PDB file of N, CA and C in Angstrom:
ATOM      1  N   UNK A   1      -0.437  12.335   4.204  1.00  0.00           N
ATOM      2  CA  UNK A   1      -1.061  12.448   2.913  1.00  0.00           C
ATOM      3  C   UNK A   1      -2.565  12.294   3.082  1.00  0.00           C
ATOM      4  N   UNK A   2      -3.315  13.187   2.488  1.00  0.00           N
ATOM      5  CA  UNK A   2      -4.767  13.101   2.598  1.00  0.00           C
ATOM      6  C   UNK A   2      -5.327  12.228   1.483  1.00  0.00           C
ATOM      7  N   UNK A   3      -6.511  11.701   1.742  1.00  0.00           N
ATOM      8  CA  UNK A   3      -7.173  10.896   0.720  1.00  0.00           C
ATOM      9  C   UNK A   3      -7.916  11.811  -0.230  1.00  0.00           C
ATOM     10  N   UNK A   4      -8.410  11.249  -1.294  1.00  0.00           N
ATOM     11  CA  UNK A   4      -9.186  12.020  -2.260  1.00  0.00           C
ATOM     12  C   UNK A   4     -10.403  12.641  -1.600  1.00  0.00           C
ATOM     13  N   UNK A   5     -11.031  11.877  -0.685  1.00  0.00           N
ATOM     14  CA  UNK A   5     -12.234  12.375  -0.018  1.00  0.00           C
ATOM     15  C   UNK A   5     -11.908  13.511   0.950  1.00  0.00           C
ATOM     16  N   UNK A   6     -10.785  13.384   1.669  1.00  0.00           N
ATOM     17  CA  UNK A   6     -10.387  14.458   2.580  1.00  0.00           C
ATOM     18  C   UNK A   6     -10.043  15.723   1.798  1.00  0.00           C
ATOM     19  N   UNK A   7      -9.345  15.561   0.667  1.00  0.00           N
ATOM     20  CA  UNK A   7      -8.973  16.705  -0.161  1.00  0.00           C
ATOM     21  C   UNK A   7     -10.202  17.407  -0.716  1.00  0.00           C
ATOM     22  N   UNK A   8     -11.269  16.665  -0.934  1.00  0.00           N
ATOM     23  CA  UNK A   8     -12.505  17.245  -1.455  1.00  0.00           C
ATOM     24  C   UNK A   8     -13.380  17.817  -0.349  1.00  0.00           C
ATOM     25  N   UNK A   9     -12.907  17.739   0.896  1.00  0.00           N
ATOM     26  CA  UNK A   9     -13.667  18.275   2.012  1.00  0.00           C
ATOM     27  C   UNK A   9     -14.731  17.331   2.522  1.00  0.00           C
ATOM     28  N   UNK A  10     -14.653  16.075   2.158  1.00  0.00           N
ATOM     29  CA  UNK A  10     -15.657  15.098   2.600  1.00  0.00           C
ATOM     30  C   UNK A  10     -15.137  14.389   3.852  1.00  0.00           C
ATOM     31  N   UNK A  11     -15.936  14.378   4.891  1.00  0.00           N
ATOM     32  CA  UNK A  11     -15.515  13.735   6.130  1.00  0.00           C
ATOM     33  C   UNK A  11     -15.938  12.273   6.144  1.00  0.00           C
ATOM     34  N   UNK A  12     -15.668  11.591   7.237  1.00  0.00           N
ATOM     35  CA  UNK A  12     -15.959  10.162   7.378  1.00  0.00           C
ATOM     36  C   UNK A  12     -17.427   9.829   7.141  1.00  0.00           C
ATOM     37  N   UNK A  13     -18.337  10.704   7.507  1.00  0.00           N
ATOM     38  CA  UNK A  13     -19.752  10.413   7.384  1.00  0.00           C
ATOM     39  C   UNK A  13     -20.335  10.688   6.004  1.00  0.00           C
ATOM     40  N   UNK A  14     -19.530  11.275   5.124  1.00  0.00           N
ATOM     41  CA  UNK A  14     -20.024  11.617   3.793  1.00  0.00           C
ATOM     42  C   UNK A  14     -20.191  10.361   2.945  1.00  0.00           C
ATOM     43  N   UNK A  15     -21.100  10.397   1.990  1.00  0.00           N
ATOM     44  CA  UNK A  15     -21.281   9.241   1.105  1.00  0.00           C
ATOM     45  C   UNK A  15     -19.988   8.937   0.342  1.00  0.00           C
ATOM     46  N   UNK A  16     -19.690   7.650   0.211  1.00  0.00           N
ATOM     47  CA  UNK A  16     -18.494   7.217  -0.527  1.00  0.00           C
ATOM     48  C   UNK A  16     -18.893   6.131  -1.510  1.00  0.00           C
ATOM     49  N   UNK A  17     -18.114   5.962  -2.578  1.00  0.00           N
ATOM     50  CA  UNK A  17     -18.419   4.889  -3.526  1.00  0.00           C
ATOM     51  C   UNK A  17     -18.427   3.533  -2.823  1.00  0.00           C
ATOM     52  N   UNK A  18     -19.240   2.614  -3.332  1.00  0.00           N
ATOM     53  CA  UNK A  18     -19.369   1.293  -2.737  1.00  0.00           C
ATOM     54  C   UNK A  18     -18.022   0.592  -2.617  1.00  0.00           C
ATOM     55  N   UNK A  19     -17.204   0.657  -3.659  1.00  0.00           N
ATOM     56  CA  UNK A  19     -15.900  -0.010  -3.626  1.00  0.00           C
ATOM     57  C   UNK A  19     -15.043   0.511  -2.476  1.00  0.00           C
ATOM     58  N   UNK A  20     -15.119   1.811  -2.206  1.00  0.00           N
ATOM     59  CA  UNK A  20     -14.342   2.382  -1.109  1.00  0.00           C
ATOM     60  C   UNK A  20     -14.886   1.938   0.247  1.00  0.00           C
ATOM     61  N   UNK A  21     -16.203   1.838   0.362  1.00  0.00           N
ATOM     62  CA  UNK A  21     -16.808   1.410   1.632  1.00  0.00           C
ATOM     63  C   UNK A  21     -16.501  -0.047   1.931  1.00  0.00           C
ATOM     64  N   UNK A  22     -16.370  -0.868   0.894  1.00  0.00           N
ATOM     65  CA  UNK A  22     -16.142  -2.301   1.085  1.00  0.00           C
ATOM     66  C   UNK A  22     -14.674  -2.687   1.123  1.00  0.00           C
ATOM     67  N   UNK A  23     -13.785  -1.756   0.836  1.00  0.00           N
ATOM     68  CA  UNK A  23     -12.346  -2.043   0.804  1.00  0.00           C
ATOM     69  C   UNK A  23     -11.889  -2.565   2.172  1.00  0.00           C
ATOM     70  N   UNK A  24     -11.128  -3.657   2.196  1.00  0.00           N
ATOM     71  CA  UNK A  24     -10.645  -4.188   3.472  1.00  0.00           C
ATOM     72  C   UNK A  24      -9.807  -3.171   4.239  1.00  0.00           C
ATOM     73  N   UNK A  25      -9.986  -3.186   5.547  1.00  0.00           N
ATOM     74  CA  UNK A  25      -9.218  -2.284   6.412  1.00  0.00           C
ATOM     75  C   UNK A  25      -8.123  -3.027   7.165  1.00  0.00           C
ATOM     76  N   UNK A  26      -8.100  -4.353   7.030  1.00  0.00           N
ATOM     77  CA  UNK A  26      -7.076  -5.196   7.649  1.00  0.00           C
ATOM     78  C   UNK A  26      -6.827  -6.388   6.730  1.00  0.00           C
ATOM     79  N   UNK A  27      -5.644  -6.946   6.796  1.00  0.00           N
ATOM     80  CA  UNK A  27      -5.311  -8.082   5.935  1.00  0.00           C
ATOM     81  C   UNK A  27      -6.247  -9.263   6.151  1.00  0.00           C
ATOM     82  N   UNK A  28      -6.770  -9.423   7.362  1.00  0.00           N
ATOM     83  CA  UNK A  28      -7.678 -10.531   7.654  1.00  0.00           C
ATOM     84  C   UNK A  28      -8.983 -10.407   6.879  1.00  0.00           C
ATOM     85  N   UNK A  29      -9.308  -9.210   6.413  1.00  0.00           N
ATOM     86  CA  UNK A  29     -10.544  -8.980   5.666  1.00  0.00           C
ATOM     87  C   UNK A  29     -10.386  -9.235   4.164  1.00  0.00           C
ATOM     88  N   UNK A  30      -9.151  -9.436   3.691  1.00  0.00           N
ATOM     89  CA  UNK A  30      -8.920  -9.691   2.268  1.00  0.00           C
ATOM     90  C   UNK A  30      -9.428 -11.092   1.948  1.00  0.00           C
ATOM     91  N   UNK A  31     -10.235 -11.191   0.899  1.00  0.00           N
ATOM     92  CA  UNK A  31     -10.845 -12.461   0.517  1.00  0.00           C
ATOM     93  C   UNK A  31     -10.143 -13.025  -0.719  1.00  0.00           C
ATOM     94  N   UNK A  32      -9.862 -14.324  -0.702  1.00  0.00           N
ATOM     95  CA  UNK A  32      -9.381 -15.004  -1.885  1.00  0.00           C
ATOM     96  C   UNK A  32      -7.893 -14.965  -2.123  1.00  0.00           C
ATOM     97  N   UNK A  33      -7.110 -14.591  -1.158  1.00  0.00           N
ATOM     98  CA  UNK A  33      -5.654 -14.536  -1.342  1.00  0.00           C
ATOM     99  C   UNK A  33      -4.922 -15.338  -0.266  1.00  0.00           C
ATOM    100  N   UNK A  34      -5.557 -16.386   0.236  1.00  0.00           N
ATOM    101  CA  UNK A  34      -4.942 -17.189   1.298  1.00  0.00           C
ATOM    102  C   UNK A  34      -3.623 -17.812   0.863  1.00  0.00           C
ATOM    103  N   UNK A  35      -3.480 -18.127  -0.418  1.00  0.00           N
ATOM    104  CA  UNK A  35      -2.235 -18.721  -0.897  1.00  0.00           C
ATOM    105  C   UNK A  35      -1.063 -17.743  -0.780  1.00  0.00           C
ATOM    106  N   UNK A  36      -1.360 -16.457  -0.672  1.00  0.00           N
ATOM    107  CA  UNK A  36      -0.324 -15.438  -0.483  1.00  0.00           C
ATOM    108  C   UNK A  36      -0.238 -14.964   0.964  1.00  0.00           C
ATOM    109  N   UNK A  37      -1.402 -14.706   1.563  1.00  0.00           N
ATOM    110  CA  UNK A  37      -1.449 -14.068   2.875  1.00  0.00           C
ATOM    111  C   UNK A  37      -1.541 -15.046   4.040  1.00  0.00           C
ATOM    112  N   UNK A  38      -1.882 -16.285   3.754  1.00  0.00           N
ATOM    113  CA  UNK A  38      -2.000 -17.282   4.819  1.00  0.00           C
ATOM    114  C   UNK A  38      -0.651 -17.555   5.475  1.00  0.00           C
ATOM    115  N   UNK A  39      -0.643 -18.266   6.598  1.00  0.00           N
ATOM    116  CA  UNK A  39       0.597 -18.515   7.339  1.00  0.00           C
ATOM    117  C   UNK A  39       1.681 -19.207   6.517  1.00  0.00           C
ATOM    118  N   UNK A  40       1.286 -20.011   5.543  1.00  0.00           N
ATOM    119  CA  UNK A  40       2.273 -20.721   4.714  1.00  0.00           C
ATOM    120  C   UNK A  40       2.578 -19.994   3.408  1.00  0.00           C
ATOM    121  N   UNK A  41       1.831 -18.927   3.123  1.00  0.00           N
ATOM    122  CA  UNK A  41       2.055 -18.153   1.901  1.00  0.00           C
ATOM    123  C   UNK A  41       3.263 -17.239   2.042  1.00  0.00           C
ATOM    124  N   UNK A  42       3.812 -16.778   0.930  1.00  0.00           N
ATOM    125  CA  UNK A  42       5.012 -15.939   0.992  1.00  0.00           C
ATOM    126  C   UNK A  42       4.816 -14.640   1.775  1.00  0.00           C
ATOM    127  N   UNK A  43       3.686 -13.979   1.595  1.00  0.00           N
ATOM    128  CA  UNK A  43       3.461 -12.737   2.341  1.00  0.00           C
ATOM    129  C   UNK A  43       3.194 -13.022   3.807  1.00  0.00           C
ATOM    130  N   UNK A  44       2.487 -14.098   4.094  1.00  0.00           N
ATOM    131  CA  UNK A  44       2.254 -14.495   5.481  1.00  0.00           C
ATOM    132  C   UNK A  44       3.552 -14.782   6.214  1.00  0.00           C
ATOM    133  N   UNK A  45       4.480 -15.442   5.537  1.00  0.00           N
ATOM    134  CA  UNK A  45       5.783 -15.734   6.162  1.00  0.00           C
ATOM    135  C   UNK A  45       6.587 -14.460   6.369  1.00  0.00           C
ATOM    136  N   UNK A  46       6.528 -13.540   5.398  1.00  0.00           N
ATOM    137  CA  UNK A  46       7.234 -12.264   5.563  1.00  0.00           C
ATOM    138  C   UNK A  46       6.668 -11.495   6.749  1.00  0.00           C
ATOM    139  N   UNK A  47       5.350 -11.479   6.870  1.00  0.00           N
ATOM    140  CA  UNK A  47       4.720 -10.769   7.985  1.00  0.00           C
ATOM    141  C   UNK A  47       5.082 -11.416   9.314  1.00  0.00           C
ATOM    142  N   UNK A  48       5.134 -12.742   9.357  1.00  0.00           N
ATOM    143  CA  UNK A  48       5.518 -13.432  10.590  1.00  0.00           C
ATOM    144  C   UNK A  48       6.942 -13.067  10.993  1.00  0.00           C
ATOM    145  N   UNK A  49       7.798 -12.846   9.996  1.00  0.00           N
ATOM    146  CA  UNK A  49       9.179 -12.459  10.267  1.00  0.00           C
ATOM    147  C   UNK A  49       9.298 -10.959  10.558  1.00  0.00           C
ATOM    148  N   UNK A  50       8.219 -10.204  10.278  1.00  0.00           N
ATOM    149  CA  UNK A  50       8.234  -8.761  10.529  1.00  0.00           C
ATOM    150  C   UNK A  50       9.032  -7.972   9.511  1.00  0.00           C
ATOM    151  N   UNK A  51       9.262  -8.572   8.340  1.00  0.00           N
ATOM    152  CA  UNK A  51      10.085  -7.914   7.324  1.00  0.00           C
ATOM    153  C   UNK A  51       9.535  -8.229   5.939  1.00  0.00           C
ATOM    154  N   UNK A  52       9.378  -7.194   5.103  1.00  0.00           N
ATOM    155  CA  UNK A  52       8.921  -7.385   3.729  1.00  0.00           C
ATOM    156  C   UNK A  52      10.100  -7.292   2.784  1.00  0.00           C
ATOM    157  N   UNK A  53      10.106  -8.163   1.783  1.00  0.00           N
ATOM    158  CA  UNK A  53      11.081  -8.096   0.694  1.00  0.00           C
ATOM    159  C   UNK A  53      10.416  -7.410  -0.490  1.00  0.00           C
ATOM    160  N   UNK A  54      11.185  -7.140  -1.524  1.00  0.00           N
ATOM    161  CA  UNK A  54      10.608  -6.585  -2.748  1.00  0.00           C
ATOM    162  C   UNK A  54       9.686  -7.626  -3.362  1.00  0.00           C
ATOM    163  N   UNK A  55       8.519  -7.182  -3.783  1.00  0.00           N
ATOM    164  CA  UNK A  55       7.555  -8.097  -4.390  1.00  0.00           C
ATOM    165  C   UNK A  55       6.898  -7.414  -5.582  1.00  0.00           C
ATOM    166  N   UNK A  56       6.376  -8.228  -6.479  1.00  0.00           N
ATOM    167  CA  UNK A  56       5.576  -7.738  -7.598  1.00  0.00           C
ATOM    168  C   UNK A  56       4.199  -8.362  -7.459  1.00  0.00           C
ATOM    169  N   UNK A  57       3.189  -7.519  -7.371  1.00  0.00           N
ATOM    170  CA  UNK A  57       1.799  -7.978  -7.334  1.00  0.00           C
ATOM    171  C   UNK A  57       1.254  -7.846  -8.745  1.00  0.00           C
ATOM    172  N   UNK A  58       0.744  -8.948  -9.296  1.00  0.00           N
ATOM    173  CA  UNK A  58       0.275  -8.964 -10.667  1.00  0.00           C
ATOM    174  C   UNK A  58      -1.182  -9.389 -10.712  1.00  0.00           C
ATOM    175  N   UNK A  59      -1.952  -8.744 -11.551  1.00  0.00           N
ATOM    176  CA  UNK A  59      -3.340  -9.125 -11.735  1.00  0.00           C
ATOM    177  C   UNK A  59      -4.101  -8.026 -12.434  1.00  0.00           C
ATOM    178  N   UNK A  60      -5.312  -8.339 -12.866  1.00  0.00           N
ATOM    179  CA  UNK A  60      -6.121  -7.333 -13.559  1.00  0.00           C
ATOM    180  C   UNK A  60      -6.546  -6.209 -12.608  1.00  0.00           C
ATOM    181  N   UNK A  61      -6.948  -5.077 -13.170  1.00  0.00           N
ATOM    182  CA  UNK A  61      -7.417  -3.969 -12.333  1.00  0.00           C
ATOM    183  C   UNK A  61      -8.555  -4.403 -11.418  1.00  0.00           C
ATOM    184  N   UNK A  62      -8.541  -3.863 -10.218  1.00  0.00           N
ATOM    185  CA  UNK A  62      -9.633  -4.111  -9.283  1.00  0.00           C
ATOM    186  C   UNK A  62      -9.495  -5.370  -8.449  1.00  0.00           C
ATOM    187  N   UNK A  63      -8.340  -6.028  -8.501  1.00  0.00           N
ATOM    188  CA  UNK A  63      -8.173  -7.264  -7.733  1.00  0.00           C
ATOM    189  C   UNK A  63      -7.591  -7.037  -6.347  1.00  0.00           C
ATOM    190  N   UNK A  64      -7.233  -5.785  -6.026  1.00  0.00           N
ATOM    191  CA  UNK A  64      -6.779  -5.478  -4.674  1.00  0.00           C
ATOM    192  C   UNK A  64      -5.285  -5.341  -4.487  1.00  0.00           C
ATOM    193  N   UNK A  65      -4.540  -5.177  -5.551  1.00  0.00           N
ATOM    194  CA  UNK A  65      -3.084  -5.072  -5.423  1.00  0.00           C
ATOM    195  C   UNK A  65      -2.682  -3.882  -4.561  1.00  0.00           C
ATOM    196  N   UNK A  66      -3.229  -2.716  -4.857  1.00  0.00           N
ATOM    197  CA  UNK A  66      -2.887  -1.516  -4.089  1.00  0.00           C
ATOM    198  C   UNK A  66      -3.380  -1.639  -2.654  1.00  0.00           C
ATOM    199  N   UNK A  67      -4.566  -2.169  -2.467  1.00  0.00           N
ATOM    200  CA  UNK A  67      -5.104  -2.344  -1.116  1.00  0.00           C
ATOM    201  C   UNK A  67      -4.220  -3.278  -0.305  1.00  0.00           C
ATOM    202  N   UNK A  68      -3.814  -4.396  -0.889  1.00  0.00           N
ATOM    203  CA  UNK A  68      -2.945  -5.335  -0.172  1.00  0.00           C
ATOM    204  C   UNK A  68      -1.616  -4.673   0.172  1.00  0.00           C
ATOM    205  N   UNK A  69      -1.037  -3.936  -0.768  1.00  0.00           N
ATOM    206  CA  UNK A  69       0.235  -3.258  -0.499  1.00  0.00           C
ATOM    207  C   UNK A  69       0.090  -2.253   0.648  1.00  0.00           C
ATOM    208  N   UNK A  70      -1.005  -1.498   0.641  1.00  0.00           N
ATOM    209  CA  UNK A  70      -1.238  -0.514   1.703  1.00  0.00           C
ATOM    210  C   UNK A  70      -1.407  -1.208   3.061  1.00  0.00           C
ATOM    211  N   UNK A  71      -2.133  -2.314   3.081  1.00  0.00           N
ATOM    212  CA  UNK A  71      -2.342  -3.053   4.326  1.00  0.00           C
ATOM    213  C   UNK A  71      -1.043  -3.702   4.819  1.00  0.00           C
ATOM    214  N   UNK A  72      -0.205  -4.170   3.893  1.00  0.00           N
ATOM    215  CA  UNK A  72       1.096  -4.722   4.281  1.00  0.00           C
ATOM    216  C   UNK A  72       1.953  -3.641   4.942  1.00  0.00           C
ATOM    217  N   UNK A  73       1.961  -2.458   4.340  1.00  0.00           N
ATOM    218  CA  UNK A  73       2.735  -1.350   4.913  1.00  0.00           C
ATOM    219  C   UNK A  73       2.244  -1.030   6.320  1.00  0.00           C
ATOM    220  N   UNK A  74       0.929  -0.953   6.488  1.00  0.00           N
ATOM    221  CA  UNK A  74       0.364  -0.672   7.814  1.00  0.00           C
ATOM    222  C   UNK A  74       0.779  -1.736   8.824  1.00  0.00           C
ATOM    223  N   UNK A  75       0.718  -2.991   8.399  1.00  0.00           N
ATOM    224  CA  UNK A  75       0.984  -4.115   9.310  1.00  0.00           C
ATOM    225  C   UNK A  75       2.415  -4.120   9.844  1.00  0.00           C
ATOM    226  N   UNK A  76       3.382  -3.706   9.010  1.00  0.00           N
ATOM    227  CA  UNK A  76       4.780  -3.719   9.458  1.00  0.00           C
ATOM    228  C   UNK A  76       5.289  -2.319   9.817  1.00  0.00           C
ATOM    229  N   UNK A  77       4.377  -1.342   9.853  1.00  0.00           N
ATOM    230  CA  UNK A  77       4.746  -0.001  10.317  1.00  0.00           C
ATOM    231  C   UNK A  77       5.550   0.817   9.324  1.00  0.00           C
ATOM    232  N   UNK A  78       5.270   0.642   8.032  1.00  0.00           N
ATOM    233  CA  UNK A  78       5.962   1.423   7.010  1.00  0.00           C
ATOM    234  C   UNK A  78       5.052   2.512   6.462  1.00  0.00           C
ATOM    235  N   UNK A  79       5.651   3.612   6.049  1.00  0.00           N
ATOM    236  CA  UNK A  79       4.915   4.667   5.358  1.00  0.00           C
ATOM    237  C   UNK A  79       4.606   4.158   3.953  1.00  0.00           C
ATOM    238  N   UNK A  80       3.372   4.287   3.493  1.00  0.00           N
ATOM    239  CA  UNK A  80       2.972   3.830   2.163  1.00  0.00           C
ATOM    240  C   UNK A  80       3.097   4.982   1.189  1.00  0.00           C
ATOM    241  N   UNK A  81       3.900   4.802   0.155  1.00  0.00           N
ATOM    242  CA  UNK A  81       4.129   5.845  -0.845  1.00  0.00           C
ATOM    243  C   UNK A  81       3.766   5.310  -2.227  1.00  0.00           C
ATOM    244  N   UNK A  82       2.561   5.620  -2.717  1.00  0.00           N
ATOM    245  CA  UNK A  82       2.182   5.146  -4.051  1.00  0.00           C
ATOM    246  C   UNK A  82       2.630   6.115  -5.138  1.00  0.00           C
ATOM    247  N   UNK A  83       2.984   5.565  -6.285  1.00  0.00           N
ATOM    248  CA  UNK A  83       3.266   6.406  -7.446  1.00  0.00           C
ATOM    249  C   UNK A  83       2.979   5.621  -8.715  1.00  0.00           C
ATOM    250  N   UNK A  84       2.755   6.321  -9.778  1.00  0.00           N
ATOM    251  CA  UNK A  84       2.433   5.719 -11.062  1.00  0.00           C
ATOM    252  C   UNK A  84       3.658   5.720 -11.963  1.00  0.00           C
ATOM    253  N   UNK A  85       3.993   4.547 -12.516  1.00  0.00           N
ATOM    254  CA  UNK A  85       5.114   4.467 -13.451  1.00  0.00           C
ATOM    255  C   UNK A  85       4.792   5.206 -14.747  1.00  0.00           C
ATOM    256  N   UNK A  86       3.520   5.369 -15.036  1.00  0.00           N
ATOM    257  CA  UNK A  86       3.114   6.032 -16.272  1.00  0.00           C
ATOM    258  C   UNK A  86       3.230   7.551 -16.151  1.00  0.00           C
ATOM    259  N   UNK A  87       2.791   8.081 -15.023  1.00  0.00           N
ATOM    260  CA  UNK A  87       2.716   9.531 -14.873  1.00  0.00           C
ATOM    261  C   UNK A  87       3.868  10.146 -14.085  1.00  0.00           C
ATOM    262  N   UNK A  88       4.775   9.339 -13.552  1.00  0.00           N
ATOM    263  CA  UNK A  88       5.884   9.843 -12.742  1.00  0.00           C
ATOM    264  C   UNK A  88       7.186   9.744 -13.516  1.00  0.00           C
ATOM    265  N   UNK A  89       8.090  10.648 -13.206  1.00  0.00           N
ATOM    266  CA  UNK A  89       9.397  10.653 -13.866  1.00  0.00           C
ATOM    267  C   UNK A  89      10.519  10.589 -12.853  1.00  0.00           C
ATOM    268  N   UNK A  90      11.719  10.797 -13.334  1.00  0.00           N
ATOM    269  CA  UNK A  90      12.909  10.731 -12.494  1.00  0.00           C
ATOM    270  C   UNK A  90      12.841  11.754 -11.365  1.00  0.00           C
ATOM    271  N   UNK A  91      12.375  12.953 -11.662  1.00  0.00           N
ATOM    272  CA  UNK A  91      12.290  13.991 -10.631  1.00  0.00           C
ATOM    273  C   UNK A  91      11.356  13.554  -9.503  1.00  0.00           C
ATOM    274  N   UNK A  92      10.234  12.917  -9.860  1.00  0.00           N
ATOM    275  CA  UNK A  92       9.298  12.424  -8.843  1.00  0.00           C
ATOM    276  C   UNK A  92       9.957  11.345  -7.991  1.00  0.00           C
ATOM    277  N   UNK A  93      10.688  10.433  -8.629  1.00  0.00           N
ATOM    278  CA  UNK A  93      11.383   9.383  -7.886  1.00  0.00           C
ATOM    279  C   UNK A  93      12.399   9.967  -6.923  1.00  0.00           C
ATOM    280  N   UNK A  94      13.140  10.962  -7.366  1.00  0.00           N
ATOM    281  CA  UNK A  94      14.141  11.593  -6.503  1.00  0.00           C
ATOM    282  C   UNK A  94      13.490  12.194  -5.257  1.00  0.00           C
ATOM    283  N   UNK A  95      12.325  12.835  -5.438  1.00  0.00           N
ATOM    284  CA  UNK A  95      11.612  13.417  -4.296  1.00  0.00           C
ATOM    285  C   UNK A  95      11.167  12.325  -3.325  1.00  0.00           C
ATOM    286  N   UNK A  96      10.645  11.234  -3.860  1.00  0.00           N
ATOM    287  CA  UNK A  96      10.188  10.127  -3.025  1.00  0.00           C
ATOM    288  C   UNK A  96      11.360   9.519  -2.271  1.00  0.00           C
ATOM    289  N   UNK A  97      12.486   9.324  -2.972  1.00  0.00           N
ATOM    290  CA  UNK A  97      13.667   8.745  -2.324  1.00  0.00           C
ATOM    291  C   UNK A  97      14.201   9.659  -1.226  1.00  0.00           C
ATOM    292  N   UNK A  98      14.211  10.958  -1.472  1.00  0.00           N
ATOM    293  CA  UNK A  98      14.693  11.905  -0.458  1.00  0.00           C
ATOM    294  C   UNK A  98      13.787  11.883   0.773  1.00  0.00           C
ATOM    295  N   UNK A  99      12.483  11.855   0.549  1.00  0.00           N
ATOM    296  CA  UNK A  99      11.548  11.784   1.673  1.00  0.00           C
ATOM    297  C   UNK A  99      11.725  10.473   2.433  1.00  0.00           C
ATOM    298  N   UNK A 100      11.981   9.387   1.708  1.00  0.00           N
ATOM    299  CA  UNK A 100      12.207   8.092   2.357  1.00  0.00           C
ATOM    300  C   UNK A 100      13.482   8.127   3.195  1.00  0.00           C
ATOM    301  N   UNK A 101      14.525   8.759   2.673  1.00  0.00           N
ATOM    302  CA  UNK A 101      15.779   8.892   3.444  1.00  0.00           C
ATOM    303  C   UNK A 101      15.529   9.680   4.732  1.00  0.00           C
ATOM    304  N   UNK A 102      14.788  10.769   4.628  1.00  0.00           N
ATOM    305  CA  UNK A 102      14.489  11.586   5.811  1.00  0.00           C
ATOM    306  C   UNK A 102      13.668  10.784   6.817  1.00  0.00           C
ATOM    307  N   UNK A 103      12.712  10.028   6.321  1.00  0.00           N
ATOM    308  CA  UNK A 103      11.898   9.180   7.198  1.00  0.00           C
ATOM    309  C   UNK A 103      12.761   8.129   7.888  1.00  0.00           C
ATOM    310  N   UNK A 104      13.694   7.543   7.131  1.00  0.00           N
ATOM    311  CA  UNK A 104      14.571   6.505   7.681  1.00  0.00           C
ATOM    312  C   UNK A 104      15.397   7.059   8.843  1.00  0.00           C
ATOM    313  N   UNK A 105      15.809   8.319   8.750  1.00  0.00           N
ATOM    314  CA  UNK A 105      16.588   8.923   9.830  1.00  0.00           C
ATOM    315  C   UNK A 105      15.785   9.045  11.116  1.00  0.00           C
ATOM    316  N   UNK A 106      14.473   9.054  10.997  1.00  0.00           N
ATOM    317  CA  UNK A 106      13.631   9.106  12.191  1.00  0.00           C
ATOM    318  C   UNK A 106      13.177   7.710  12.615  1.00  0.00           C
ATOM    319  N   UNK A 107      13.689   6.684  11.914  1.00  0.00           N
ATOM    320  CA  UNK A 107      13.373   5.313  12.282  1.00  0.00           C
ATOM    321  C   UNK A 107      12.152   4.731  11.593  1.00  0.00           C
ATOM    322  N   UNK A 108      11.591   5.435  10.627  1.00  0.00           N
ATOM    323  CA  UNK A 108      10.405   4.950   9.913  1.00  0.00           C
ATOM    324  C   UNK A 108      10.780   4.565   8.485  1.00  0.00           C
ATOM    325  N   UNK A 109      10.411   3.373   8.086  1.00  0.00           N
ATOM    326  CA  UNK A 109      10.682   2.910   6.739  1.00  0.00           C
ATOM    327  C   UNK A 109       9.590   3.316   5.773  1.00  0.00           C
ATOM    328  N   UNK A 110       9.800   3.022   4.506  1.00  0.00           N
ATOM    329  CA  UNK A 110       8.865   3.376   3.448  1.00  0.00           C
ATOM    330  C   UNK A 110       8.607   2.173   2.564  1.00  0.00           C
ATOM    331  N   UNK A 111       7.345   1.949   2.228  1.00  0.00           N
ATOM    332  CA  UNK A 111       6.982   0.971   1.212  1.00  0.00           C
ATOM    333  C   UNK A 111       6.631   1.767  -0.035  1.00  0.00           C
ATOM    334  N   UNK A 112       7.447   1.629  -1.064  1.00  0.00           N
ATOM    335  CA  UNK A 112       7.217   2.314  -2.328  1.00  0.00           C
ATOM    336  C   UNK A 112       6.387   1.404  -3.219  1.00  0.00           C
ATOM    337  N   UNK A 113       5.208   1.841  -3.589  1.00  0.00           N
ATOM    338  CA  UNK A 113       4.309   1.082  -4.454  1.00  0.00           C
ATOM    339  C   UNK A 113       4.282   1.761  -5.806  1.00  0.00           C
ATOM    340  N   UNK A 114       4.880   1.116  -6.810  1.00  0.00           N
ATOM    341  CA  UNK A 114       4.898   1.670  -8.150  1.00  0.00           C
ATOM    342  C   UNK A 114       3.845   0.934  -8.969  1.00  0.00           C
ATOM    343  N   UNK A 115       2.814   1.658  -9.332  1.00  0.00           N
ATOM    344  CA  UNK A 115       1.703   1.088 -10.080  1.00  0.00           C
ATOM    345  C   UNK A 115       1.988   1.155 -11.571  1.00  0.00           C
ATOM    346  N   UNK A 116       1.449   0.206 -12.304  1.00  0.00           N
ATOM    347  CA  UNK A 116       1.541   0.160 -13.765  1.00  0.00           C
ATOM    348  C   UNK A 116       2.967   0.008 -14.269  1.00  0.00           C
ATOM    349  N   UNK A 117       3.741  -0.893 -13.651  1.00  0.00           N
ATOM    350  CA  UNK A 117       5.131  -1.067 -14.114  1.00  0.00           C
ATOM    351  C   UNK A 117       5.182  -1.867 -15.396  1.00  0.00           C
TER     352      UNK A 117
END
């Protein structure tokens, strides 16, 4: 899946919004979530075990929920599949589930991130 910048023909060296440039690229760069991501936090323990359970990330816009979910998927080797509960329907879910099944047959799991639930 390409990013918005790649789809627009913008390469790595092209100017990007400040928020995108500052977005953490690793879980260690996430600030202010030690109670979740630290070794004793629930996500830290899941990562130590190498397995993620279903979770709900709650908070106001811009707090890093999607970024954390994407970084969690990267850390445990899962494909990150974002979708919007507002703009997606049953047909979209079926497509995502089918792609996840196909990925599973090749040994790759999927982290489904449903935004705006």
